[in-house]
N, C-alpha and C. Protein backbone atom coordinates (compact mmCIF):
# COMPACT_ATOMS: atom_id res chain seq x y z
N MET A 1 25.52 -3.81 -32.44
CA MET A 1 25.29 -2.38 -32.42
C MET A 1 23.84 -2.06 -32.82
N GLU A 2 23.30 -2.85 -33.74
CA GLU A 2 21.92 -2.60 -34.17
C GLU A 2 20.94 -2.79 -33.02
N VAL A 3 21.22 -3.78 -32.17
CA VAL A 3 20.34 -4.04 -31.03
C VAL A 3 20.34 -2.85 -30.08
N PHE A 4 21.51 -2.29 -29.84
CA PHE A 4 21.62 -1.12 -28.96
C PHE A 4 20.83 0.05 -29.52
N VAL A 5 20.99 0.34 -30.77
CA VAL A 5 20.30 1.46 -31.40
C VAL A 5 18.78 1.22 -31.38
N LEU A 6 18.35 0.02 -31.69
CA LEU A 6 16.93 -0.30 -31.68
C LEU A 6 16.34 -0.15 -30.27
N THR A 7 17.06 -0.65 -29.28
CA THR A 7 16.61 -0.53 -27.89
C THR A 7 16.54 0.93 -27.47
N PHE A 8 17.53 1.71 -27.84
CA PHE A 8 17.56 3.13 -27.51
C PHE A 8 16.37 3.86 -28.15
N VAL A 9 16.10 3.57 -29.39
CA VAL A 9 14.97 4.20 -30.09
C VAL A 9 13.65 3.81 -29.44
N ILE A 10 13.50 2.56 -29.08
CA ILE A 10 12.26 2.11 -28.43
C ILE A 10 12.09 2.83 -27.09
N MET A 11 13.16 2.95 -26.33
CA MET A 11 13.08 3.64 -25.04
C MET A 11 12.70 5.12 -25.24
N LEU A 12 13.26 5.76 -26.26
CA LEU A 12 12.91 7.15 -26.54
C LEU A 12 11.43 7.29 -26.90
N VAL A 13 10.92 6.35 -27.68
CA VAL A 13 9.50 6.37 -28.04
C VAL A 13 8.63 6.20 -26.81
N VAL A 14 9.00 5.30 -25.92
CA VAL A 14 8.22 5.07 -24.70
C VAL A 14 8.23 6.33 -23.81
N VAL A 15 9.38 6.94 -23.63
CA VAL A 15 9.48 8.14 -22.80
C VAL A 15 8.68 9.28 -23.45
N ALA A 16 8.78 9.41 -24.76
CA ALA A 16 8.01 10.45 -25.45
C ALA A 16 6.51 10.22 -25.30
N ALA A 17 6.08 8.97 -25.39
CA ALA A 17 4.66 8.65 -25.23
C ALA A 17 4.19 8.99 -23.82
N MET A 18 5.00 8.70 -22.80
CA MET A 18 4.62 9.05 -21.43
C MET A 18 4.55 10.56 -21.26
N ALA A 19 5.48 11.29 -21.87
CA ALA A 19 5.48 12.74 -21.77
C ALA A 19 4.25 13.33 -22.44
N ILE A 20 3.91 12.83 -23.59
CA ILE A 20 2.72 13.31 -24.29
C ILE A 20 1.47 12.97 -23.49
N GLY A 21 1.41 11.78 -22.92
CA GLY A 21 0.28 11.40 -22.08
C GLY A 21 0.12 12.30 -20.88
N TYR A 22 1.22 12.69 -20.27
CA TYR A 22 1.16 13.60 -19.13
C TYR A 22 0.66 14.97 -19.57
N MET A 23 1.19 15.47 -20.69
CA MET A 23 0.78 16.79 -21.16
C MET A 23 -0.70 16.83 -21.52
N VAL A 24 -1.22 15.75 -22.05
CA VAL A 24 -2.62 15.71 -22.46
C VAL A 24 -3.54 15.55 -21.24
N GLN A 25 -3.23 14.62 -20.35
CA GLN A 25 -4.12 14.31 -19.23
C GLN A 25 -3.79 15.05 -17.95
N ARG A 26 -2.58 15.56 -17.81
CA ARG A 26 -2.13 16.21 -16.57
C ARG A 26 -2.32 15.28 -15.38
N LYS A 27 -2.08 14.01 -15.58
CA LYS A 27 -2.24 13.01 -14.53
C LYS A 27 -0.89 12.32 -14.34
N THR A 28 -0.41 12.27 -13.11
CA THR A 28 0.87 11.65 -12.84
C THR A 28 0.73 10.13 -12.75
N ILE A 29 1.84 9.46 -12.85
CA ILE A 29 1.85 8.01 -12.72
C ILE A 29 1.53 7.67 -11.27
N ALA A 30 0.63 6.72 -11.05
CA ALA A 30 0.22 6.35 -9.70
C ALA A 30 0.31 4.84 -9.53
N GLY A 31 0.62 4.42 -8.35
CA GLY A 31 0.68 3.00 -8.06
C GLY A 31 -0.72 2.42 -7.92
N SER A 32 -0.83 1.13 -8.06
CA SER A 32 -2.14 0.49 -8.00
C SER A 32 -2.44 -0.10 -6.62
N CYS A 33 -1.44 -0.23 -5.77
CA CYS A 33 -1.67 -0.92 -4.49
C CYS A 33 -2.03 0.04 -3.36
N GLY A 34 -1.87 1.32 -3.53
CA GLY A 34 -2.22 2.27 -2.49
C GLY A 34 -1.06 2.64 -1.59
N GLY A 35 0.03 1.94 -1.67
CA GLY A 35 1.22 2.27 -0.90
C GLY A 35 1.04 2.14 0.59
N LEU A 36 1.74 2.98 1.34
CA LEU A 36 1.70 2.92 2.79
C LEU A 36 0.32 3.27 3.35
N ASP A 37 -0.41 4.12 2.64
CA ASP A 37 -1.73 4.52 3.11
C ASP A 37 -2.69 3.33 3.18
N ALA A 38 -2.54 2.37 2.28
CA ALA A 38 -3.39 1.19 2.28
C ALA A 38 -3.13 0.32 3.52
N LEU A 39 -1.94 0.43 4.08
CA LEU A 39 -1.58 -0.33 5.28
C LEU A 39 -1.91 0.42 6.56
N GLY A 40 -2.39 1.64 6.42
CA GLY A 40 -2.71 2.44 7.60
C GLY A 40 -1.50 3.12 8.21
N ILE A 41 -0.42 3.21 7.48
CA ILE A 41 0.79 3.85 7.98
C ILE A 41 0.78 5.30 7.52
N GLU A 42 0.85 6.23 8.48
CA GLU A 42 0.77 7.65 8.14
C GLU A 42 2.09 8.19 7.61
N LYS A 43 3.18 7.68 8.13
CA LYS A 43 4.49 8.16 7.69
C LYS A 43 5.46 7.00 7.55
N ALA A 44 6.50 7.21 6.80
CA ALA A 44 7.43 6.13 6.49
C ALA A 44 8.52 5.95 7.56
N CYS A 45 8.74 6.94 8.38
CA CYS A 45 9.80 6.82 9.38
C CYS A 45 9.27 6.24 10.69
N ASP A 46 10.16 5.81 11.56
CA ASP A 46 9.79 5.22 12.84
C ASP A 46 9.77 6.22 13.98
N CYS A 47 10.10 7.46 13.71
CA CYS A 47 10.23 8.44 14.79
C CYS A 47 8.88 8.79 15.40
N GLU A 48 8.92 9.18 16.66
CA GLU A 48 7.70 9.55 17.38
C GLU A 48 7.11 10.85 16.84
N ASN A 49 7.96 11.83 16.61
CA ASN A 49 7.51 13.13 16.13
C ASN A 49 7.97 13.33 14.69
N PRO A 50 7.11 13.86 13.84
CA PRO A 50 7.52 14.11 12.46
C PRO A 50 8.59 15.19 12.41
N CYS A 51 9.37 15.17 11.35
CA CYS A 51 10.42 16.18 11.18
C CYS A 51 9.79 17.55 10.92
N GLU A 52 10.61 18.59 10.95
CA GLU A 52 10.10 19.95 10.81
C GLU A 52 9.41 20.16 9.46
N LYS A 53 9.98 19.60 8.40
CA LYS A 53 9.38 19.76 7.08
C LYS A 53 7.99 19.14 7.04
N ARG A 54 7.85 17.96 7.63
CA ARG A 54 6.54 17.30 7.64
C ARG A 54 5.55 18.07 8.51
N GLN A 55 6.02 18.57 9.66
CA GLN A 55 5.14 19.35 10.53
C GLN A 55 4.63 20.59 9.80
N GLU A 56 5.51 21.25 9.05
CA GLU A 56 5.11 22.43 8.28
C GLU A 56 4.11 22.06 7.19
N ARG A 57 4.36 20.95 6.51
CA ARG A 57 3.45 20.49 5.46
C ARG A 57 2.08 20.13 6.06
N MET A 58 2.09 19.47 7.21
CA MET A 58 0.83 19.11 7.86
C MET A 58 0.06 20.36 8.29
N ARG A 59 0.79 21.37 8.77
CA ARG A 59 0.15 22.63 9.18
C ARG A 59 -0.49 23.31 7.98
N LYS A 60 0.23 23.33 6.85
CA LYS A 60 -0.30 23.96 5.64
C LYS A 60 -1.52 23.18 5.11
N GLU A 61 -1.46 21.85 5.16
CA GLU A 61 -2.60 21.05 4.71
C GLU A 61 -3.82 21.32 5.59
N LYS A 62 -3.61 21.43 6.90
CA LYS A 62 -4.71 21.69 7.82
C LYS A 62 -5.32 23.06 7.54
N GLU A 63 -4.46 24.07 7.32
CA GLU A 63 -4.95 25.41 7.00
C GLU A 63 -5.72 25.39 5.69
N TRP A 64 -5.22 24.68 4.71
CA TRP A 64 -5.88 24.60 3.41
C TRP A 64 -7.25 23.97 3.55
N GLN A 65 -7.33 22.90 4.34
CA GLN A 65 -8.62 22.22 4.53
C GLN A 65 -9.60 23.11 5.26
N GLN A 66 -9.12 23.89 6.24
CA GLN A 66 -10.00 24.78 6.96
C GLN A 66 -10.50 25.90 6.04
N ASN A 67 -9.65 26.40 5.18
CA ASN A 67 -10.05 27.45 4.24
C ASN A 67 -11.00 26.90 3.18
N LYS A 68 -10.83 25.65 2.84
CA LYS A 68 -11.68 25.02 1.83
C LYS A 68 -13.09 24.84 2.37
N ILE A 69 -13.22 24.52 3.65
CA ILE A 69 -14.51 24.27 4.28
C ILE A 69 -15.30 25.57 4.40
N ILE A 70 -14.61 26.64 4.68
CA ILE A 70 -15.28 27.94 4.94
C ILE A 70 -15.86 28.50 3.69
């Protein structure tokens, strides 16, 4: 039982430390390998056309970039 309690306390400390780190730096956890973008893959699915949600997100990103340039 002591091992369980000790493990639980350690996990709580780790989660609290990550939460405090996020609040201080406002930086999310990021992978080091670059993910799919490093492989040149634009999307994770095999479909020819992106789904409606992705199309909407791409449209908003394009509008944002155009407004940022102006």
